[in-house]
């Protein structure tokens, strides 16, 4: 094998865990750079380019995510159970159900560190937290004798804020499912 073909084989191996389009683009670009160079010139250019592992590491940093391939994602059922446990676990088994979902999330290979932090910290305890936030937000009924009157128990801005907080678990649920699906499709 020539120096160029050995280098390109090492490069293909180094970028195998990047998204396919990114790895292919890197290999194609460097192949084009080395095409037509004499062995001496190619060896000099290879020395300038550096170790294929460093090129792949730089690409991973630029992509901004952990390496992806089909071996690095979980089964679809696992991602669904995890997302539902984060959303509904706190309602089914208060607090403990959500903690199980968070454990599934952190042991999963389907999400990046950023995804795991969002899934854990944006709305702890999922919908349980949201229902607690909404508790008493809309109306109270005051009764005196035979007459009852409904009134808002808090200002409108507080109701809007609590409603937004209540929707965060659903948004996080959708976000996690979309991110898992994208990672799986890239692999």
C-alpha atoms as a PDB file:
ATOM      1  CA  UNK A   1       0.000   0.000   0.000  1.00  0.00           C
ATOM      2  CA  UNK A   2       1.162   3.521  -0.707  1.00  0.00           C
ATOM      3  CA  UNK A   3       1.414   6.184   1.953  1.00  0.00           C
ATOM      4  CA  UNK A   4      -1.671   7.915   0.527  1.00  0.00           C
ATOM      5  CA  UNK A   5      -3.859   4.806   0.457  1.00  0.00           C
ATOM      6  CA  UNK A   6      -2.758   3.827   3.976  1.00  0.00           C
ATOM      7  CA  UNK A   7      -3.519   7.331   5.254  1.00  0.00           C
ATOM      8  CA  UNK A   8      -6.951   7.381   3.590  1.00  0.00           C
ATOM      9  CA  UNK A   9      -7.784   3.933   5.010  1.00  0.00           C
ATOM     10  CA  UNK A  10      -6.803   5.160   8.492  1.00  0.00           C
ATOM     11  CA  UNK A  11      -8.898   8.289   7.959  1.00  0.00           C
ATOM     12  CA  UNK A  12     -11.959   6.249   6.895  1.00  0.00           C
ATOM     13  CA  UNK A  13     -11.562   4.166  10.036  1.00  0.00           C
ATOM     14  CA  UNK A  14     -11.194   7.269  12.246  1.00  0.00           C
ATOM     15  CA  UNK A  15     -14.362   8.966  10.937  1.00  0.00           C
ATOM     16  CA  UNK A  16     -16.562   5.842  10.947  1.00  0.00           C
ATOM     17  CA  UNK A  17     -18.457   6.988  14.057  1.00  0.00           C
ATOM     18  CA  UNK A  18     -19.266  10.441  12.687  1.00  0.00           C
ATOM     19  CA  UNK A  19     -22.535  11.079  10.848  1.00  0.00           C
ATOM     20  CA  UNK A  20     -22.126   9.452   7.435  1.00  0.00           C
ATOM     21  CA  UNK A  21     -22.349  12.695   5.441  1.00  0.00           C
ATOM     22  CA  UNK A  22     -19.681  14.381   7.575  1.00  0.00           C
ATOM     23  CA  UNK A  23     -17.266  11.434   7.391  1.00  0.00           C
ATOM     24  CA  UNK A  24     -17.751  11.070   3.642  1.00  0.00           C
ATOM     25  CA  UNK A  25     -17.137  14.781   3.117  1.00  0.00           C
ATOM     26  CA  UNK A  26     -13.885  14.703   5.107  1.00  0.00           C
ATOM     27  CA  UNK A  27     -12.556  11.648   3.272  1.00  0.00           C
ATOM     28  CA  UNK A  28     -13.572  13.050  -0.134  1.00  0.00           C
ATOM     29  CA  UNK A  29     -11.947  16.404   0.580  1.00  0.00           C
ATOM     30  CA  UNK A  30      -8.642  14.906   1.681  1.00  0.00           C
ATOM     31  CA  UNK A  31      -8.696  12.378  -1.174  1.00  0.00           C
ATOM     32  CA  UNK A  32      -9.077  15.292  -3.587  1.00  0.00           C
ATOM     33  CA  UNK A  33      -6.202  17.160  -1.924  1.00  0.00           C
ATOM     34  CA  UNK A  34      -3.881  14.177  -2.238  1.00  0.00           C
ATOM     35  CA  UNK A  35      -4.934  13.197  -5.766  1.00  0.00           C
ATOM     36  CA  UNK A  36      -2.248  13.740  -8.357  1.00  0.00           C
ATOM     37  CA  UNK A  37       0.526  14.505  -5.868  1.00  0.00           C
ATOM     38  CA  UNK A  38       3.818  12.676  -6.124  1.00  0.00           C
ATOM     39  CA  UNK A  39       4.637  10.302  -3.275  1.00  0.00           C
ATOM     40  CA  UNK A  40       7.001  12.885  -1.768  1.00  0.00           C
ATOM     41  CA  UNK A  41       4.494  15.725  -2.023  1.00  0.00           C
ATOM     42  CA  UNK A  42       1.709  13.490  -0.699  1.00  0.00           C
ATOM     43  CA  UNK A  43       3.860  12.488   2.291  1.00  0.00           C
ATOM     44  CA  UNK A  44       4.533  16.169   3.052  1.00  0.00           C
ATOM     45  CA  UNK A  45       0.843  17.061   2.786  1.00  0.00           C
ATOM     46  CA  UNK A  46      -0.094  14.092   4.999  1.00  0.00           C
ATOM     47  CA  UNK A  47       2.409  15.298   7.605  1.00  0.00           C
ATOM     48  CA  UNK A  48       0.759  18.750   7.475  1.00  0.00           C
ATOM     49  CA  UNK A  49      -2.744  17.279   7.817  1.00  0.00           C
ATOM     50  CA  UNK A  50      -1.774  15.265  10.867  1.00  0.00           C
ATOM     51  CA  UNK A  51      -3.088  12.117  12.479  1.00  0.00           C
ATOM     52  CA  UNK A  52      -6.488  10.953  11.162  1.00  0.00           C
ATOM     53  CA  UNK A  53      -7.699  10.531  14.756  1.00  0.00           C
ATOM     54  CA  UNK A  54      -7.083  14.250  15.393  1.00  0.00           C
ATOM     55  CA  UNK A  55      -8.986  15.161  12.232  1.00  0.00           C
ATOM     56  CA  UNK A  56     -11.904  12.988  13.360  1.00  0.00           C
ATOM     57  CA  UNK A  57     -11.801  14.456  16.898  1.00  0.00           C
ATOM     58  CA  UNK A  58     -11.894  17.989  15.483  1.00  0.00           C
ATOM     59  CA  UNK A  59     -14.878  17.029  13.322  1.00  0.00           C
ATOM     60  CA  UNK A  60     -16.670  15.579  16.363  1.00  0.00           C
ATOM     61  CA  UNK A  61     -16.118  18.830  18.240  1.00  0.00           C
ATOM     62  CA  UNK A  62     -17.465  20.803  15.296  1.00  0.00           C
ATOM     63  CA  UNK A  63     -20.517  18.567  14.942  1.00  0.00           C
ATOM     64  CA  UNK A  64     -21.085  19.222  18.651  1.00  0.00           C
ATOM     65  CA  UNK A  65     -22.318  15.766  19.569  1.00  0.00           C
ATOM     66  CA  UNK A  66     -21.033  12.436  20.676  1.00  0.00           C
ATOM     67  CA  UNK A  67     -20.213   9.942  17.937  1.00  0.00           C
ATOM     68  CA  UNK A  68     -23.228   8.375  16.316  1.00  0.00           C
ATOM     69  CA  UNK A  69     -23.801   5.073  14.629  1.00  0.00           C
ATOM     70  CA  UNK A  70     -26.417   2.387  14.840  1.00  0.00           C
ATOM     71  CA  UNK A  71     -24.526   0.606  17.628  1.00  0.00           C
ATOM     72  CA  UNK A  72     -24.684   3.816  19.703  1.00  0.00           C
ATOM     73  CA  UNK A  73     -28.446   4.070  19.995  1.00  0.00           C
ATOM     74  CA  UNK A  74     -30.993   2.168  22.007  1.00  0.00           C
ATOM     75  CA  UNK A  75     -33.956   0.174  20.806  1.00  0.00           C
ATOM     76  CA  UNK A  76     -37.003   2.247  19.921  1.00  0.00           C
ATOM     77  CA  UNK A  77     -39.033   0.737  22.769  1.00  0.00           C
ATOM     78  CA  UNK A  78     -36.345   1.792  25.264  1.00  0.00           C
ATOM     79  CA  UNK A  79     -36.374   5.421  24.121  1.00  0.00           C
ATOM     80  CA  UNK A  80     -40.185   5.492  24.216  1.00  0.00           C
ATOM     81  CA  UNK A  81     -40.342   3.985  27.715  1.00  0.00           C
ATOM     82  CA  UNK A  82     -37.694   6.449  28.900  1.00  0.00           C
ATOM     83  CA  UNK A  83     -39.492   9.487  27.478  1.00  0.00           C
ATOM     84  CA  UNK A  84     -42.879   8.373  28.845  1.00  0.00           C
ATOM     85  CA  UNK A  85     -41.360   7.619  32.269  1.00  0.00           C
ATOM     86  CA  UNK A  86     -39.926  11.137  32.388  1.00  0.00           C
ATOM     87  CA  UNK A  87     -43.268  12.630  31.387  1.00  0.00           C
ATOM     88  CA  UNK A  88     -45.713  10.448  33.334  1.00  0.00           C
ATOM     89  CA  UNK A  89     -43.618   8.521  35.854  1.00  0.00           C
ATOM     90  CA  UNK A  90     -44.110  11.106  38.580  1.00  0.00           C
ATOM     91  CA  UNK A  91     -47.892  10.816  38.178  1.00  0.00           C
ATOM     92  CA  UNK A  92     -47.992   7.014  38.164  1.00  0.00           C
ATOM     93  CA  UNK A  93     -45.647   6.546  41.118  1.00  0.00           C
ATOM     94  CA  UNK A  94     -45.065  10.003  42.625  1.00  0.00           C
ATOM     95  CA  UNK A  95     -41.423  11.031  42.427  1.00  0.00           C
ATOM     96  CA  UNK A  96     -40.068   7.456  42.153  1.00  0.00           C
ATOM     97  CA  UNK A  97     -41.504   6.901  38.653  1.00  0.00           C
ATOM     98  CA  UNK A  98     -39.755   9.990  37.340  1.00  0.00           C
ATOM     99  CA  UNK A  99     -36.487   8.964  39.032  1.00  0.00           C
ATOM    100  CA  UNK A 100     -36.650   5.629  37.194  1.00  0.00           C
ATOM    101  CA  UNK A 101     -37.151   7.537  33.907  1.00  0.00           C
ATOM    102  CA  UNK A 102     -34.186   9.779  34.683  1.00  0.00           C
ATOM    103  CA  UNK A 103     -32.078   6.692  35.390  1.00  0.00           C
ATOM    104  CA  UNK A 104     -33.098   5.200  32.032  1.00  0.00           C
ATOM    105  CA  UNK A 105     -32.200   8.505  30.378  1.00  0.00           C
ATOM    106  CA  UNK A 106     -28.707   8.658  31.872  1.00  0.00           C
ATOM    107  CA  UNK A 107     -27.931   5.025  30.986  1.00  0.00           C
ATOM    108  CA  UNK A 108     -29.183   5.492  27.435  1.00  0.00           C
ATOM    109  CA  UNK A 109     -26.954   5.725  24.383  1.00  0.00           C
ATOM    110  CA  UNK A 110     -29.624   7.533  22.352  1.00  0.00           C
ATOM    111  CA  UNK A 111     -29.052  11.018  23.746  1.00  0.00           C
ATOM    112  CA  UNK A 112     -26.121  13.385  24.111  1.00  0.00           C
ATOM    113  CA  UNK A 113     -25.076  14.918  27.411  1.00  0.00           C
ATOM    114  CA  UNK A 114     -26.994  18.089  26.501  1.00  0.00           C
ATOM    115  CA  UNK A 115     -30.156  16.069  25.833  1.00  0.00           C
ATOM    116  CA  UNK A 116     -29.791  14.260  29.152  1.00  0.00           C
ATOM    117  CA  UNK A 117     -29.366  17.524  31.044  1.00  0.00           C
ATOM    118  CA  UNK A 118     -32.439  19.000  29.363  1.00  0.00           C
ATOM    119  CA  UNK A 119     -34.473  15.865  30.080  1.00  0.00           C
ATOM    120  CA  UNK A 120     -33.426  15.872  33.714  1.00  0.00           C
ATOM    121  CA  UNK A 121     -33.348  19.540  34.653  1.00  0.00           C
ATOM    122  CA  UNK A 122     -35.956  21.365  32.570  1.00  0.00           C
ATOM    123  CA  UNK A 123     -38.911  19.851  34.387  1.00  0.00           C
ATOM    124  CA  UNK A 124     -38.027  17.632  37.287  1.00  0.00           C
ATOM    125  CA  UNK A 125     -40.783  15.103  38.033  1.00  0.00           C
ATOM    126  CA  UNK A 126     -42.497  15.678  34.662  1.00  0.00           C
ATOM    127  CA  UNK A 127     -46.230  16.342  34.669  1.00  0.00           C
ATOM    128  CA  UNK A 128     -46.416  15.971  38.455  1.00  0.00           C
ATOM    129  CA  UNK A 129     -44.425  19.201  38.759  1.00  0.00           C
ATOM    130  CA  UNK A 130     -46.669  20.858  36.177  1.00  0.00           C
ATOM    131  CA  UNK A 131     -49.873  19.906  37.942  1.00  0.00           C
ATOM    132  CA  UNK A 132     -48.461  21.243  41.185  1.00  0.00           C
ATOM    133  CA  UNK A 133     -47.580  24.487  39.383  1.00  0.00           C
ATOM    134  CA  UNK A 134     -51.135  24.784  38.063  1.00  0.00           C
ATOM    135  CA  UNK A 135     -52.806  23.926  41.376  1.00  0.00           C
ATOM    136  CA  UNK A 136     -55.096  26.761  42.332  1.00  0.00           C
ATOM    137  CA  UNK A 137     -54.076  28.883  39.367  1.00  0.00           C
ATOM    138  CA  UNK A 138     -57.419  29.344  37.691  1.00  0.00           C
ATOM    139  CA  UNK A 139     -60.326  29.965  39.977  1.00  0.00           C
ATOM    140  CA  UNK A 140     -61.551  29.656  43.478  1.00  0.00           C
ATOM    141  CA  UNK A 141     -65.127  29.635  44.654  1.00  0.00           C
ATOM    142  CA  UNK A 142     -66.099  31.719  47.637  1.00  0.00           C
ATOM    143  CA  UNK A 143     -69.377  30.863  49.290  1.00  0.00           C
ATOM    144  CA  UNK A 144     -71.195  32.948  51.868  1.00  0.00           C
ATOM    145  CA  UNK A 145     -74.536  31.610  52.938  1.00  0.00           C
ATOM    146  CA  UNK A 146     -76.583  30.672  49.890  1.00  0.00           C
ATOM    147  CA  UNK A 147     -74.522  32.589  47.298  1.00  0.00           C
ATOM    148  CA  UNK A 148     -71.226  31.467  45.741  1.00  0.00           C
ATOM    149  CA  UNK A 149     -68.883  33.533  43.590  1.00  0.00           C
ATOM    150  CA  UNK A 150     -65.937  32.356  41.448  1.00  0.00           C
ATOM    151  CA  UNK A 151     -62.855  34.531  41.230  1.00  0.00           C
ATOM    152  CA  UNK A 152     -59.380  34.270  39.814  1.00  0.00           C
ATOM    153  CA  UNK A 153     -57.013  33.369  42.567  1.00  0.00           C
ATOM    154  CA  UNK A 154     -54.003  35.061  40.989  1.00  0.00           C
ATOM    155  CA  UNK A 155     -53.107  37.651  38.347  1.00  0.00           C
ATOM    156  CA  UNK A 156     -53.325  36.748  34.663  1.00  0.00           C
ATOM    157  CA  UNK A 157     -49.528  36.935  34.176  1.00  0.00           C
ATOM    158  CA  UNK A 158     -49.066  34.307  36.874  1.00  0.00           C
ATOM    159  CA  UNK A 159     -51.616  32.050  35.208  1.00  0.00           C
ATOM    160  CA  UNK A 160     -49.798  32.408  31.866  1.00  0.00           C
ATOM    161  CA  UNK A 161     -46.449  31.682  33.522  1.00  0.00           C
ATOM    162  CA  UNK A 162     -47.823  28.601  35.269  1.00  0.00           C
ATOM    163  CA  UNK A 163     -49.391  27.387  32.023  1.00  0.00           C
ATOM    164  CA  UNK A 164     -46.047  27.702  30.223  1.00  0.00           C
ATOM    165  CA  UNK A 165     -44.380  25.797  33.064  1.00  0.00           C
ATOM    166  CA  UNK A 166     -47.090  23.150  32.750  1.00  0.00           C
ATOM    167  CA  UNK A 167     -46.329  22.666  29.052  1.00  0.00           C
ATOM    168  CA  UNK A 168     -42.561  22.269  29.529  1.00  0.00           C
ATOM    169  CA  UNK A 169     -42.710  18.516  30.281  1.00  0.00           C
ATOM    170  CA  UNK A 170     -44.617  17.894  27.060  1.00  0.00           C
ATOM    171  CA  UNK A 171     -42.120  20.011  25.109  1.00  0.00           C
ATOM    172  CA  UNK A 172     -39.229  18.107  26.729  1.00  0.00           C
ATOM    173  CA  UNK A 173     -40.920  14.793  25.880  1.00  0.00           C
ATOM    174  CA  UNK A 174     -41.248  15.792  22.205  1.00  0.00           C
ATOM    175  CA  UNK A 175     -37.675  17.154  22.136  1.00  0.00           C
ATOM    176  CA  UNK A 176     -36.213  13.897  23.491  1.00  0.00           C
ATOM    177  CA  UNK A 177     -38.139  11.740  21.034  1.00  0.00           C
ATOM    178  CA  UNK A 178     -37.115  13.914  18.079  1.00  0.00           C
ATOM    179  CA  UNK A 179     -33.446  13.930  19.158  1.00  0.00           C
ATOM    180  CA  UNK A 180     -33.400  10.133  19.616  1.00  0.00           C
ATOM    181  CA  UNK A 181     -35.004   9.616  16.218  1.00  0.00           C
ATOM    182  CA  UNK A 182     -32.514  11.957  14.488  1.00  0.00           C
ATOM    183  CA  UNK A 183     -29.538  10.233  16.095  1.00  0.00           C
ATOM    184  CA  UNK A 184     -30.878   6.831  15.096  1.00  0.00           C
ATOM    185  CA  UNK A 185     -31.498   7.919  11.494  1.00  0.00           C
ATOM    186  CA  UNK A 186     -27.973   9.361  11.201  1.00  0.00           C
ATOM    187  CA  UNK A 187     -26.400   6.098  12.286  1.00  0.00           C
END
